Amino acid sequence: MKKTLGRLSAVTIIAGSLLGLAAGTASAGNPQYIRSYQWQADCERAADEIRSGGDLAAYCRWDQGHTEWDLYVLSL
C-alpha cells in the first residue's frame, strides 16, 4: 500500500510540474503590443525589422476602433 501511494505521489508531482511548465510557456507566448501606425506599409516594415532578429515574431493587425495598424511581438 505504501509503495502504491509513493508511486501515485510521484506521478502527481511530475504531472503538476509539467502542467506548470506548460502554463509558464503559454504566458510567454502572449502577444505584446508595441505601437500603432497610420499606414500598413510602415507597420509591416517595422515588423520585418523585428523579425530579422530571429528570436521574435512580429505581426500587424488592423484596429477598427482606432483606425490604425497595431504592431505586436511574440517571443519564440
N, C-alpha and C. Protein backbone atom coordinates (compact mmCIF):
# COMPACT_ATOMS: atom_id res chain seq x y z
N MET A 1 0.82 -1.20 0.00
CA MET A 1 0.00 0.00 0.00
C MET A 1 0.86 1.26 0.00
N LYS A 2 1.91 1.26 0.85
CA LYS A 2 2.79 2.43 0.91
C LYS A 2 3.50 2.64 -0.43
N LYS A 3 3.88 1.53 -1.06
CA LYS A 3 4.57 1.60 -2.34
C LYS A 3 3.66 2.22 -3.40
N THR A 4 2.40 1.84 -3.41
CA THR A 4 1.42 2.37 -4.37
C THR A 4 1.19 3.86 -4.14
N LEU A 5 1.06 4.26 -2.88
CA LEU A 5 0.87 5.68 -2.58
C LEU A 5 2.10 6.50 -2.95
N GLY A 6 3.27 5.93 -2.77
CA GLY A 6 4.51 6.61 -3.14
C GLY A 6 4.58 6.85 -4.65
N ARG A 7 4.21 5.84 -5.41
CA ARG A 7 4.21 5.97 -6.87
C ARG A 7 3.16 6.99 -7.32
N LEU A 8 1.99 6.94 -6.71
CA LEU A 8 0.93 7.88 -7.04
C LEU A 8 1.37 9.32 -6.75
N SER A 9 2.04 9.52 -5.64
CA SER A 9 2.54 10.85 -5.28
C SER A 9 3.57 11.33 -6.29
N ALA A 10 4.46 10.43 -6.70
CA ALA A 10 5.49 10.79 -7.67
C ALA A 10 4.86 11.18 -9.01
N VAL A 11 3.87 10.40 -9.45
CA VAL A 11 3.20 10.71 -10.71
C VAL A 11 2.47 12.05 -10.62
N THR A 12 1.84 12.31 -9.48
CA THR A 12 1.12 13.57 -9.29
C THR A 12 2.08 14.75 -9.32
N ILE A 13 3.22 14.62 -8.67
CA ILE A 13 4.22 15.70 -8.65
C ILE A 13 4.76 15.95 -10.04
N ILE A 14 5.09 14.91 -10.79
CA ILE A 14 5.62 15.06 -12.15
C ILE A 14 4.58 15.71 -13.05
N ALA A 15 3.33 15.24 -12.99
CA ALA A 15 2.27 15.81 -13.83
C ALA A 15 2.04 17.28 -13.49
N GLY A 16 2.05 17.61 -12.20
CA GLY A 16 1.89 19.01 -11.79
C GLY A 16 3.01 19.88 -12.29
N SER A 17 4.24 19.36 -12.26
CA SER A 17 5.39 20.12 -12.75
C SER A 17 5.27 20.38 -14.24
N LEU A 18 4.86 19.35 -14.99
CA LEU A 18 4.71 19.53 -16.44
C LEU A 18 3.60 20.52 -16.78
N LEU A 19 2.51 20.48 -16.06
CA LEU A 19 1.42 21.44 -16.30
C LEU A 19 1.87 22.85 -15.96
N GLY A 20 2.64 23.00 -14.89
CA GLY A 20 3.17 24.32 -14.53
C GLY A 20 4.11 24.85 -15.59
N LEU A 21 4.95 23.99 -16.14
CA LEU A 21 5.86 24.40 -17.20
C LEU A 21 5.09 24.82 -18.44
N ALA A 22 4.06 24.07 -18.80
CA ALA A 22 3.25 24.41 -19.97
C ALA A 22 2.54 25.74 -19.78
N ALA A 23 2.05 26.00 -18.59
CA ALA A 23 1.36 27.26 -18.32
C ALA A 23 2.34 28.43 -18.41
N GLY A 24 3.55 28.25 -17.91
CA GLY A 24 4.55 29.32 -18.00
C GLY A 24 4.96 29.61 -19.42
N THR A 25 5.08 28.57 -20.23
CA THR A 25 5.44 28.74 -21.64
C THR A 25 4.32 29.45 -22.39
N ALA A 26 3.07 29.11 -22.10
CA ALA A 26 1.95 29.73 -22.79
C ALA A 26 1.89 31.22 -22.47
N SER A 27 2.15 31.61 -21.24
CA SER A 27 2.09 33.03 -20.90
C SER A 27 3.22 33.80 -21.59
N ALA A 28 4.35 33.14 -21.83
CA ALA A 28 5.45 33.81 -22.52
C ALA A 28 5.10 34.04 -23.99
N GLY A 29 4.15 33.28 -24.53
CA GLY A 29 3.77 33.41 -25.93
C GLY A 29 2.67 34.41 -26.19
N ASN A 30 2.21 35.11 -25.18
CA ASN A 30 1.16 36.10 -25.40
C ASN A 30 1.70 37.29 -26.17
N PRO A 31 0.97 37.75 -27.18
CA PRO A 31 1.46 38.88 -27.96
C PRO A 31 1.53 40.16 -27.11
N GLN A 32 2.57 40.93 -27.36
CA GLN A 32 2.75 42.19 -26.65
C GLN A 32 2.63 43.35 -27.65
N TYR A 33 1.75 44.30 -27.34
CA TYR A 33 1.55 45.47 -28.18
C TYR A 33 2.81 46.33 -28.15
N ILE A 34 3.24 46.80 -29.30
CA ILE A 34 4.42 47.66 -29.37
C ILE A 34 4.02 49.11 -29.64
N ARG A 35 3.36 49.34 -30.77
CA ARG A 35 2.90 50.69 -31.10
C ARG A 35 1.94 50.65 -32.28
N SER A 36 1.36 51.79 -32.60
CA SER A 36 0.40 51.89 -33.70
C SER A 36 1.00 52.69 -34.86
N TYR A 37 0.51 52.38 -36.04
CA TYR A 37 0.93 53.08 -37.26
C TYR A 37 -0.30 53.48 -38.05
N GLN A 38 -0.20 54.60 -38.74
CA GLN A 38 -1.31 55.05 -39.56
C GLN A 38 -1.39 54.23 -40.85
N TRP A 39 -0.24 53.81 -41.37
CA TRP A 39 -0.19 53.10 -42.65
C TRP A 39 0.29 51.68 -42.47
N GLN A 40 -0.31 50.75 -43.20
CA GLN A 40 0.05 49.35 -43.12
C GLN A 40 1.51 49.13 -43.54
N ALA A 41 1.95 49.80 -44.56
CA ALA A 41 3.32 49.62 -45.04
C ALA A 41 4.34 49.96 -43.96
N ASP A 42 4.09 51.01 -43.19
CA ASP A 42 5.00 51.38 -42.10
C ASP A 42 5.03 50.31 -41.02
N CYS A 43 3.86 49.78 -40.70
CA CYS A 43 3.76 48.73 -39.69
C CYS A 43 4.49 47.46 -40.16
N GLU A 44 4.28 47.07 -41.40
CA GLU A 44 4.92 45.87 -41.93
C GLU A 44 6.44 46.03 -42.00
N ARG A 45 6.90 47.22 -42.31
CA ARG A 45 8.34 47.49 -42.34
C ARG A 45 8.95 47.32 -40.94
N ALA A 46 8.27 47.85 -39.93
CA ALA A 46 8.74 47.70 -38.55
C ALA A 46 8.70 46.23 -38.12
N ALA A 47 7.67 45.50 -38.52
CA ALA A 47 7.57 44.07 -38.20
C ALA A 47 8.71 43.29 -38.85
N ASP A 48 9.05 43.63 -40.10
CA ASP A 48 10.16 42.96 -40.79
C ASP A 48 11.48 43.19 -40.06
N GLU A 49 11.69 44.40 -39.56
CA GLU A 49 12.92 44.70 -38.82
C GLU A 49 13.00 43.86 -37.54
N ILE A 50 11.88 43.71 -36.86
CA ILE A 50 11.85 42.92 -35.63
C ILE A 50 12.08 41.45 -35.93
N ARG A 51 11.46 40.94 -37.00
CA ARG A 51 11.62 39.54 -37.37
C ARG A 51 13.04 39.20 -37.78
N SER A 52 13.79 40.17 -38.28
CA SER A 52 15.16 39.91 -38.72
C SER A 52 16.06 39.52 -37.56
N GLY A 53 15.64 39.81 -36.31
CA GLY A 53 16.42 39.42 -35.13
C GLY A 53 16.45 37.92 -34.91
N GLY A 54 15.45 37.19 -35.38
CA GLY A 54 15.45 35.74 -35.33
C GLY A 54 14.77 35.12 -34.12
N ASP A 55 14.70 35.81 -32.99
CA ASP A 55 14.11 35.19 -31.81
C ASP A 55 12.73 35.77 -31.48
N LEU A 56 12.22 36.63 -32.35
CA LEU A 56 10.91 37.24 -32.14
C LEU A 56 10.05 37.10 -33.39
N ALA A 57 8.76 36.98 -33.18
CA ALA A 57 7.80 37.00 -34.28
C ALA A 57 7.01 38.30 -34.14
N ALA A 58 6.77 38.97 -35.24
CA ALA A 58 6.04 40.24 -35.21
C ALA A 58 4.96 40.22 -36.29
N TYR A 59 3.84 40.87 -35.98
CA TYR A 59 2.77 40.96 -36.97
C TYR A 59 1.97 42.23 -36.75
N CYS A 60 1.28 42.64 -37.80
CA CYS A 60 0.44 43.84 -37.76
C CYS A 60 -1.02 43.42 -37.80
N ARG A 61 -1.85 44.17 -37.09
CA ARG A 61 -3.28 43.88 -37.06
C ARG A 61 -4.04 45.20 -37.15
N TRP A 62 -5.08 45.21 -37.97
CA TRP A 62 -5.91 46.40 -38.15
C TRP A 62 -6.78 46.59 -36.92
N ASP A 63 -6.72 47.77 -36.33
CA ASP A 63 -7.55 48.12 -35.18
C ASP A 63 -8.70 48.98 -35.68
N GLN A 64 -9.85 48.35 -35.88
CA GLN A 64 -11.02 49.03 -36.45
C GLN A 64 -11.46 50.21 -35.59
N GLY A 65 -11.43 50.04 -34.28
CA GLY A 65 -11.92 51.08 -33.38
C GLY A 65 -11.10 52.36 -33.42
N HIS A 66 -9.78 52.22 -33.62
CA HIS A 66 -8.91 53.39 -33.64
C HIS A 66 -8.43 53.74 -35.05
N THR A 67 -8.87 52.98 -36.03
CA THR A 67 -8.49 53.14 -37.44
C THR A 67 -6.98 53.32 -37.59
N GLU A 68 -6.25 52.30 -37.12
CA GLU A 68 -4.79 52.31 -37.21
C GLU A 68 -4.28 50.87 -37.23
N TRP A 69 -3.03 50.70 -37.57
CA TRP A 69 -2.38 49.39 -37.60
C TRP A 69 -1.57 49.23 -36.32
N ASP A 70 -1.83 48.14 -35.58
CA ASP A 70 -1.12 47.87 -34.35
C ASP A 70 -0.06 46.81 -34.58
N LEU A 71 1.14 47.05 -34.06
CA LEU A 71 2.25 46.12 -34.17
C LEU A 71 2.34 45.32 -32.88
N TYR A 72 2.40 43.99 -33.03
CA TYR A 72 2.51 43.08 -31.89
C TYR A 72 3.75 42.20 -32.07
N VAL A 73 4.34 41.80 -30.94
CA VAL A 73 5.53 40.94 -30.95
C VAL A 73 5.28 39.74 -30.05
N LEU A 74 5.77 38.58 -30.50
CA LEU A 74 5.72 37.34 -29.72
C LEU A 74 7.15 36.85 -29.49
N SER A 75 7.44 36.38 -28.31
CA SER A 75 8.72 35.73 -28.05
C SER A 75 8.64 34.30 -28.54
N LEU A 76 9.69 33.86 -29.17
CA LEU A 76 9.71 32.48 -29.66
C LEU A 76 10.45 31.58 -28.70
